[in-house]
Amino acid sequence: AMNRVQLLGRVGQDPIMRQVDGKNPVTIFSLATNEMWRTGESETNQGGEIITIMLFLCNLGDISQKTTWHRISVFRPGLRDITYQYVKKGSRIYVEGKIDYGEYTDKNNVRRQATTIIA
């Protein structure tokens, strides 16, 4: 089995370092990734290959964009400290890690689900 994710994006806020109940500290930050496409582009599968057809005539179509925010947690001591010290809001960085799904109870005593990338 494999649980691996690779992200390239921009940091949403300066990383923070947290330590809970005497456990090892963790550096946490958010990362935004963007997908962009132009309406009028289409993909066709022919002979096992994906061919992207772009219409360059009069109607190019509108550009659409989707931003996805990812919560990144860094536990490894060396990487955690370097991330905290040098990564800043707006930095463009590459993150490699695994996806972790968890649950927590918020301050209103409501159970919530959280997806985190463990780098």
N, C-alpha and C. Protein backbone atom coordinates (compact mmCIF):
# COMPACT_ATOMS: atom_id res chain seq x y z
N ALA A 1 0.84 -1.18 0.00
CA ALA A 1 0.00 0.00 0.00
C ALA A 1 0.88 1.24 0.00
N MET A 2 0.35 2.30 -0.55
CA MET A 2 1.10 3.55 -0.59
C MET A 2 0.21 4.71 -0.19
N ASN A 3 0.74 5.60 0.63
CA ASN A 3 0.06 6.83 1.03
C ASN A 3 1.08 7.94 0.85
N ARG A 4 1.03 8.60 -0.30
CA ARG A 4 2.02 9.63 -0.62
C ARG A 4 1.36 10.76 -1.40
N VAL A 5 1.71 11.99 -1.03
CA VAL A 5 1.17 13.15 -1.72
C VAL A 5 2.31 14.13 -1.99
N GLN A 6 2.23 14.78 -3.15
CA GLN A 6 3.20 15.80 -3.53
C GLN A 6 2.43 17.06 -3.87
N LEU A 7 2.82 18.18 -3.25
CA LEU A 7 2.12 19.45 -3.47
C LEU A 7 3.13 20.55 -3.78
N LEU A 8 2.75 21.44 -4.68
CA LEU A 8 3.53 22.63 -4.97
C LEU A 8 2.56 23.80 -4.87
N GLY A 9 2.83 24.71 -3.95
CA GLY A 9 1.90 25.80 -3.76
C GLY A 9 2.51 26.93 -2.96
N ARG A 10 1.63 27.81 -2.49
CA ARG A 10 2.06 28.99 -1.71
C ARG A 10 1.55 28.88 -0.27
N VAL A 11 2.41 29.28 0.65
CA VAL A 11 2.11 29.22 2.08
C VAL A 11 1.10 30.31 2.42
N GLY A 12 0.05 29.94 3.18
CA GLY A 12 -1.02 30.86 3.51
C GLY A 12 -0.74 31.78 4.67
N GLN A 13 0.03 31.32 5.65
CA GLN A 13 0.39 32.16 6.79
C GLN A 13 1.72 31.65 7.34
N ASP A 14 2.42 32.49 8.10
CA ASP A 14 3.67 32.05 8.70
C ASP A 14 3.40 30.80 9.55
N PRO A 15 4.28 29.81 9.46
CA PRO A 15 4.09 28.59 10.26
C PRO A 15 4.09 28.89 11.76
N ILE A 16 3.35 28.08 12.49
CA ILE A 16 3.36 28.16 13.95
C ILE A 16 3.87 26.84 14.50
N MET A 17 4.47 26.89 15.69
CA MET A 17 4.92 25.66 16.33
C MET A 17 4.07 25.44 17.57
N ARG A 18 3.55 24.23 17.70
CA ARG A 18 2.69 23.89 18.84
C ARG A 18 3.26 22.67 19.56
N GLN A 19 3.03 22.65 20.87
CA GLN A 19 3.36 21.48 21.66
C GLN A 19 2.20 21.23 22.60
N VAL A 20 1.66 20.01 22.54
CA VAL A 20 0.47 19.68 23.33
C VAL A 20 0.80 18.57 24.31
N ASP A 21 0.47 18.79 25.58
CA ASP A 21 0.57 17.76 26.63
C ASP A 21 1.92 17.05 26.65
N GLY A 22 3.00 17.80 26.54
CA GLY A 22 4.33 17.21 26.65
C GLY A 22 4.75 16.37 25.46
N LYS A 23 3.95 16.33 24.40
CA LYS A 23 4.32 15.58 23.21
C LYS A 23 5.35 16.38 22.42
N ASN A 24 5.94 15.75 21.39
CA ASN A 24 6.90 16.45 20.55
C ASN A 24 6.23 17.62 19.86
N PRO A 25 6.95 18.73 19.70
CA PRO A 25 6.37 19.88 19.00
C PRO A 25 6.10 19.56 17.53
N VAL A 26 5.20 20.35 16.94
CA VAL A 26 4.86 20.20 15.53
C VAL A 26 4.76 21.60 14.92
N THR A 27 5.28 21.75 13.70
CA THR A 27 5.12 23.01 12.96
C THR A 27 3.96 22.84 12.00
N ILE A 28 3.05 23.81 12.00
CA ILE A 28 1.81 23.73 11.22
C ILE A 28 1.69 24.97 10.34
N PHE A 29 1.26 24.75 9.10
CA PHE A 29 0.96 25.87 8.21
C PHE A 29 -0.02 25.41 7.15
N SER A 30 -0.60 26.36 6.44
CA SER A 30 -1.51 26.02 5.35
C SER A 30 -0.82 26.28 4.02
N LEU A 31 -1.19 25.49 3.01
CA LEU A 31 -0.60 25.60 1.68
C LEU A 31 -1.74 25.64 0.67
N ALA A 32 -1.69 26.61 -0.24
CA ALA A 32 -2.71 26.74 -1.29
C ALA A 32 -2.15 26.18 -2.59
N THR A 33 -2.92 25.29 -3.23
CA THR A 33 -2.59 24.82 -4.57
C THR A 33 -3.68 25.31 -5.51
N ASN A 34 -3.29 25.60 -6.74
CA ASN A 34 -4.24 26.12 -7.74
C ASN A 34 -4.30 25.22 -8.95
N GLU A 35 -5.50 25.03 -9.45
CA GLU A 35 -5.72 24.37 -10.74
C GLU A 35 -6.33 25.42 -11.65
N MET A 36 -5.81 25.52 -12.87
CA MET A 36 -6.36 26.47 -13.83
C MET A 36 -6.70 25.73 -15.11
N TRP A 37 -7.80 26.13 -15.73
CA TRP A 37 -8.18 25.56 -17.01
C TRP A 37 -8.99 26.58 -17.78
N ARG A 38 -9.05 26.37 -19.05
CA ARG A 38 -9.78 27.26 -19.93
C ARG A 38 -11.00 26.51 -20.45
N THR A 39 -12.17 27.10 -20.33
CA THR A 39 -13.35 26.46 -20.89
C THR A 39 -13.15 26.37 -22.39
N GLY A 40 -13.52 25.25 -22.95
CA GLY A 40 -13.26 25.01 -24.36
C GLY A 40 -12.13 24.01 -24.55
N GLU A 41 -11.36 23.75 -23.48
CA GLU A 41 -10.35 22.69 -23.54
C GLU A 41 -11.05 21.38 -23.25
N SER A 42 -10.64 20.33 -23.93
CA SER A 42 -11.23 19.03 -23.65
C SER A 42 -10.16 17.96 -23.74
N GLU A 43 -10.42 16.85 -23.09
CA GLU A 43 -9.50 15.72 -23.14
C GLU A 43 -10.21 14.55 -23.80
N THR A 44 -9.50 13.89 -24.69
CA THR A 44 -10.05 12.73 -25.38
C THR A 44 -9.07 11.59 -25.23
N ASN A 45 -9.56 10.42 -24.93
CA ASN A 45 -8.69 9.26 -24.79
C ASN A 45 -8.73 8.46 -26.08
N GLN A 46 -7.59 8.39 -26.76
CA GLN A 46 -7.51 7.64 -28.01
C GLN A 46 -6.28 6.75 -27.95
N GLY A 47 -6.49 5.45 -28.07
CA GLY A 47 -5.37 4.51 -28.09
C GLY A 47 -4.55 4.55 -26.81
N GLY A 48 -5.19 4.80 -25.67
CA GLY A 48 -4.49 4.81 -24.41
C GLY A 48 -3.79 6.13 -24.10
N GLU A 49 -3.78 7.08 -25.01
CA GLU A 49 -3.13 8.36 -24.78
C GLU A 49 -4.18 9.43 -24.52
N ILE A 50 -3.86 10.35 -23.66
CA ILE A 50 -4.76 11.48 -23.43
C ILE A 50 -4.28 12.62 -24.31
N ILE A 51 -5.15 13.08 -25.16
CA ILE A 51 -4.83 14.17 -26.06
C ILE A 51 -5.63 15.39 -25.64
N THR A 52 -4.95 16.46 -25.35
CA THR A 52 -5.63 17.69 -24.97
C THR A 52 -5.81 18.55 -26.21
N ILE A 53 -7.05 18.92 -26.45
CA ILE A 53 -7.38 19.74 -27.60
C ILE A 53 -7.67 21.14 -27.11
N MET A 54 -6.92 22.12 -27.60
CA MET A 54 -7.14 23.51 -27.21
C MET A 54 -7.65 24.27 -28.42
N LEU A 55 -8.69 25.02 -28.20
CA LEU A 55 -9.29 25.77 -29.29
C LEU A 55 -8.63 27.14 -29.36
N PHE A 56 -7.88 27.41 -30.42
CA PHE A 56 -7.16 28.67 -30.56
C PHE A 56 -7.84 29.61 -31.54
N LEU A 57 -9.05 29.32 -31.92
CA LEU A 57 -9.73 30.17 -32.89
C LEU A 57 -10.31 31.38 -32.17
N CYS A 58 -11.39 31.89 -32.65
CA CYS A 58 -11.96 33.14 -32.12
C CYS A 58 -12.33 33.05 -30.64
N ASN A 59 -12.96 31.95 -30.23
CA ASN A 59 -13.46 31.84 -28.87
C ASN A 59 -12.52 30.98 -28.04
N LEU A 60 -11.68 31.62 -27.24
CA LEU A 60 -10.75 30.88 -26.40
C LEU A 60 -11.41 30.40 -25.12
N GLY A 61 -12.50 30.99 -24.73
CA GLY A 61 -13.18 30.60 -23.50
C GLY A 61 -12.61 31.34 -22.31
N ASP A 62 -13.31 31.20 -21.20
CA ASP A 62 -12.89 31.86 -19.97
C ASP A 62 -11.90 30.99 -19.21
N ILE A 63 -11.03 31.64 -18.46
CA ILE A 63 -10.09 30.91 -17.60
C ILE A 63 -10.76 30.72 -16.25
N SER A 64 -10.77 29.48 -15.78
CA SER A 64 -11.32 29.16 -14.47
C SER A 64 -10.18 28.70 -13.57
N GLN A 65 -10.37 28.92 -12.28
CA GLN A 65 -9.34 28.54 -11.32
C GLN A 65 -10.00 27.99 -10.07
N LYS A 66 -9.36 26.98 -9.49
CA LYS A 66 -9.82 26.41 -8.22
C LYS A 66 -8.63 26.40 -7.27
N THR A 67 -8.81 26.98 -6.09
CA THR A 67 -7.77 26.97 -5.06
C THR A 67 -8.18 25.97 -3.98
N THR A 68 -7.26 25.10 -3.61
CA THR A 68 -7.49 24.13 -2.54
C THR A 68 -6.48 24.40 -1.43
N TRP A 69 -6.98 24.48 -0.21
CA TRP A 69 -6.12 24.71 0.96
C TRP A 69 -5.82 23.39 1.65
N HIS A 70 -4.55 23.20 2.01
CA HIS A 70 -4.09 21.98 2.67
C HIS A 70 -3.45 22.36 4.01
N ARG A 71 -3.74 21.58 5.03
CA ARG A 71 -3.12 21.76 6.34
C ARG A 71 -1.88 20.87 6.38
N ILE A 72 -0.72 21.47 6.64
CA ILE A 72 0.55 20.74 6.64
C ILE A 72 1.08 20.69 8.07
N SER A 73 1.48 19.49 8.52
CA SER A 73 2.09 19.31 9.84
C SER A 73 3.46 18.68 9.66
N VAL A 74 4.46 19.28 10.30
CA VAL A 74 5.84 18.79 10.19
C VAL A 74 6.30 18.37 11.58
N PHE A 75 6.58 17.07 11.76
CA PHE A 75 6.96 16.54 13.06
C PHE A 75 8.46 16.28 13.19
N ARG A 76 9.14 15.92 12.08
CA ARG A 76 10.56 15.56 12.16
C ARG A 76 11.37 16.74 12.68
N PRO A 77 12.17 16.54 13.75
CA PRO A 77 12.85 17.64 14.43
C PRO A 77 13.63 18.60 13.52
N GLY A 78 14.51 18.14 12.68
CA GLY A 78 15.29 19.03 11.83
C GLY A 78 14.42 19.80 10.85
N LEU A 79 13.56 19.09 10.15
CA LEU A 79 12.69 19.70 9.15
C LEU A 79 11.66 20.63 9.80
N ARG A 80 11.17 20.21 10.96
CA ARG A 80 10.20 21.03 11.71
C ARG A 80 10.78 22.39 12.06
N ASP A 81 12.02 22.41 12.54
CA ASP A 81 12.65 23.65 12.98
C ASP A 81 13.02 24.55 11.80
N ILE A 82 13.51 23.96 10.72
CA ILE A 82 13.85 24.73 9.52
C ILE A 82 12.59 25.34 8.92
N THR A 83 11.51 24.56 8.88
CA THR A 83 10.24 25.06 8.36
C THR A 83 9.76 26.25 9.17
N TYR A 84 9.80 26.11 10.48
CA TYR A 84 9.35 27.19 11.36
C TYR A 84 10.18 28.46 11.18
N GLN A 85 11.49 28.28 11.01
CA GLN A 85 12.40 29.42 10.93
C GLN A 85 12.39 30.13 9.57
N TYR A 86 12.32 29.36 8.48
CA TYR A 86 12.56 29.95 7.16
C TYR A 86 11.34 30.07 6.24
N VAL A 87 10.32 29.25 6.43
CA VAL A 87 9.14 29.32 5.56
C VAL A 87 8.27 30.48 6.02
N LYS A 88 7.85 31.31 5.09
CA LYS A 88 7.04 32.49 5.41
C LYS A 88 5.80 32.55 4.53
N LYS A 89 4.82 33.32 4.96
CA LYS A 89 3.60 33.53 4.18
C LYS A 89 3.97 33.97 2.77
N GLY A 90 3.36 33.33 1.77
CA GLY A 90 3.61 33.67 0.38
C GLY A 90 4.72 32.87 -0.27
N SER A 91 5.54 32.17 0.54
CA SER A 91 6.62 31.36 -0.03
C SER A 91 6.04 30.28 -0.94
N ARG A 92 6.68 30.02 -2.06
CA ARG A 92 6.29 28.92 -2.94
C ARG A 92 7.16 27.74 -2.57
N ILE A 93 6.52 26.66 -2.12
CA ILE A 93 7.29 25.51 -1.67
C ILE A 93 6.70 24.20 -2.19
N TYR A 94 7.54 23.18 -2.18
CA TYR A 94 7.17 21.81 -2.53
C TYR A 94 7.07 21.03 -1.24
N VAL A 95 6.00 20.29 -1.07
CA VAL A 95 5.79 19.47 0.12
C VAL A 95 5.53 18.04 -0.31
N GLU A 96 6.19 17.11 0.35
CA GLU A 96 5.95 15.69 0.11
C GLU A 96 5.64 15.05 1.46
N GLY A 97 4.61 14.24 1.49
CA GLY A 97 4.24 13.61 2.74
C GLY A 97 3.15 12.59 2.55
N LYS A 98 2.40 12.34 3.63
CA LYS A 98 1.29 11.39 3.57
C LYS A 98 0.02 12.06 4.07
N ILE A 99 -1.11 11.53 3.64
CA ILE A 99 -2.41 12.06 4.06
C ILE A 99 -2.82 11.38 5.35
N ASP A 100 -3.30 12.17 6.30
CA ASP A 100 -3.78 11.64 7.57
C ASP A 100 -5.20 12.17 7.80
N TYR A 101 -6.12 11.28 8.07
CA TYR A 101 -7.50 11.65 8.36
C TYR A 101 -7.72 11.49 9.86
N GLY A 102 -8.28 12.50 10.50
CA GLY A 102 -8.51 12.43 11.93
C GLY A 102 -9.79 13.11 12.32
N GLU A 103 -10.13 12.98 13.59
CA GLU A 103 -11.30 13.64 14.15
C GLU A 103 -10.89 14.41 15.40
N TYR A 104 -11.63 15.48 15.66
CA TYR A 104 -11.43 16.24 16.89
C TYR A 104 -12.76 16.84 17.31
N THR A 105 -12.81 17.32 18.53
CA THR A 105 -14.00 17.99 19.04
C THR A 105 -13.69 19.47 19.17
N ASP A 106 -14.49 20.32 18.53
CA ASP A 106 -14.22 21.76 18.55
C ASP A 106 -14.67 22.37 19.87
N LYS A 107 -14.48 23.70 20.01
CA LYS A 107 -14.79 24.37 21.27
C LYS A 107 -16.28 24.37 21.59
N ASN A 108 -17.13 24.09 20.60
CA ASN A 108 -18.57 23.99 20.83
C ASN A 108 -19.01 22.55 21.05
N ASN A 109 -18.04 21.67 21.29
CA ASN A 109 -18.27 20.26 21.55
C ASN A 109 -18.89 19.52 20.36
N VAL A 110 -18.53 19.97 19.14
CA VAL A 110 -18.99 19.32 17.91
C VAL A 110 -17.83 18.52 17.33
N ARG A 111 -18.12 17.26 16.98
CA ARG A 111 -17.08 16.42 16.38
C ARG A 111 -16.85 16.84 14.94
N ARG A 112 -15.59 17.03 14.59
CA ARG A 112 -15.20 17.46 13.24
C ARG A 112 -14.18 16.50 12.67
N GLN A 113 -14.12 16.48 11.34
CA GLN A 113 -13.10 15.69 10.66
C GLN A 113 -12.05 16.62 10.10
N ALA A 114 -10.81 16.15 10.10
CA ALA A 114 -9.71 16.98 9.59
C ALA A 114 -8.82 16.12 8.69
N THR A 115 -8.38 16.69 7.59
CA THR A 115 -7.41 16.04 6.72
C THR A 115 -6.13 16.84 6.81
N THR A 116 -5.04 16.15 7.10
CA THR A 116 -3.74 16.80 7.28
C THR A 116 -2.70 16.10 6.43
N ILE A 117 -1.77 16.87 5.87
CA ILE A 117 -0.62 16.29 5.20
C ILE A 117 0.52 16.26 6.20
N ILE A 118 1.01 15.06 6.47
CA ILE A 118 2.15 14.89 7.39
C ILE A 118 3.42 14.92 6.54
N ALA A 119 4.20 15.99 6.68
CA ALA A 119 5.41 16.16 5.86
C ALA A 119 6.63 15.64 6.60
